Protein backbone atom coordinates (compact mmCIF):
# COMPACT_ATOMS: atom_id res chain seq x y z
CA MET A 1 0.00 0.00 0.00
CA GLY A 2 1.35 3.39 -0.97
CA ILE A 3 0.39 6.57 0.88
CA SER A 4 0.92 10.12 -0.37
CA ILE A 5 0.18 13.23 1.67
CA SER A 6 1.68 16.41 0.32
CA LYS A 7 2.76 19.48 2.26
CA LYS A 8 -0.13 21.35 0.64
CA VAL A 9 -2.56 19.07 2.46
CA LEU A 10 -0.81 19.00 5.84
CA LYS A 11 2.05 21.39 6.57
CA ARG A 12 3.64 19.64 9.53
CA ALA A 13 5.47 16.34 9.09
CA THR A 14 4.13 15.06 12.42
CA ASP A 15 0.55 15.47 11.15
CA ARG A 16 1.35 13.72 7.86
CA ASN A 17 3.05 10.87 9.71
CA ARG A 18 0.11 10.49 12.12
CA ILE A 19 -2.35 10.07 9.24
CA LYS A 20 -0.02 7.59 7.50
CA ARG A 21 0.30 5.59 10.71
CA LEU A 22 -3.48 5.46 11.15
CA LEU A 23 -3.92 4.35 7.54
CA ARG A 24 -1.30 1.61 7.86
CA GLU A 25 -2.81 0.33 11.13
CA SER A 26 -6.31 0.19 9.65
CA TYR A 27 -5.03 -1.49 6.49
CA ARG A 28 -3.15 -4.11 8.54
CA GLU A 29 -6.27 -4.97 10.55
CA MET A 30 -8.38 -5.36 7.41
CA ARG A 31 -5.78 -7.06 5.21
CA GLU A 32 -7.73 -10.35 4.94
CA LYS A 33 -10.86 -8.54 3.70
CA ILE A 34 -9.05 -6.48 1.08
CA PRO A 35 -8.95 -8.05 -2.39
CA GLU A 36 -5.57 -8.65 -4.03
CA VAL A 37 -5.04 -5.25 -5.62
CA ASP A 38 -2.41 -2.54 -5.51
CA VAL A 39 -3.57 0.27 -3.26
CA HIS A 40 -2.31 3.84 -3.36
CA VAL A 41 -3.96 6.33 -1.03
CA VAL A 42 -3.64 10.00 -1.98
CA ALA A 43 -4.81 12.57 0.54
CA ARG A 44 -6.65 15.50 -0.99
CA GLU A 45 -6.90 19.03 0.31
CA GLY A 46 -9.92 19.68 2.48
CA GLU A 47 -10.89 21.52 5.57
CA PRO A 48 -7.86 21.53 7.92
CA GLN A 49 -10.12 20.90 10.91
CA ARG A 50 -11.12 17.54 9.46
CA TRP A 51 -7.52 16.29 9.46
CA ASP A 52 -6.99 17.28 13.10
CA LYS A 53 -10.07 15.37 14.23
CA LEU A 54 -9.48 12.28 12.09
CA LYS A 55 -9.53 9.09 14.13
CA LYS A 56 -8.67 5.50 13.36
CA LYS A 57 -12.36 4.52 13.39
CA ASP A 58 -13.04 7.08 10.63
CA ILE A 59 -10.30 5.63 8.44
CA PHE A 60 -11.48 2.10 9.23
CA ARG A 61 -15.04 3.03 8.15
CA GLU A 62 -13.78 4.56 4.89
CA LEU A 63 -11.71 1.46 4.12
CA GLU A 64 -14.73 -0.77 4.78
CA ASN A 65 -16.84 1.34 2.39
CA TRP A 66 -14.10 1.10 -0.23
CA ILE A 67 -13.86 -2.69 0.17
CA HIS A 68 -17.63 -3.09 -0.29
CA GLU A 69 -17.48 -0.88 -3.37
CA ILE A 70 -14.61 -2.89 -4.88
CA GLN A 71 -16.29 -6.21 -4.16
CA GLY A 72 -19.50 -4.96 -5.80
CA HIS A 73 -17.60 -4.13 -9.00
CA ARG A 74 -15.88 -7.53 -9.10
CA GLU A 75 -19.14 -9.51 -9.02
């Protein structure tokens, strides 16, 4: 899994690393559910407040939605 978060999205390296860590942890926990595909996550600019409040459960929920979407396209 590749993760890209530019300085435009989050200025501080500690914030970028925190989001990357949360993504990697969530991905690791869901690895068995994820189909065999290459995954590259690219963070987009948004409201800065959203990044500060982002929790692991939010990322986990987004990954679950993505998995269901991918599985629906494969059937």
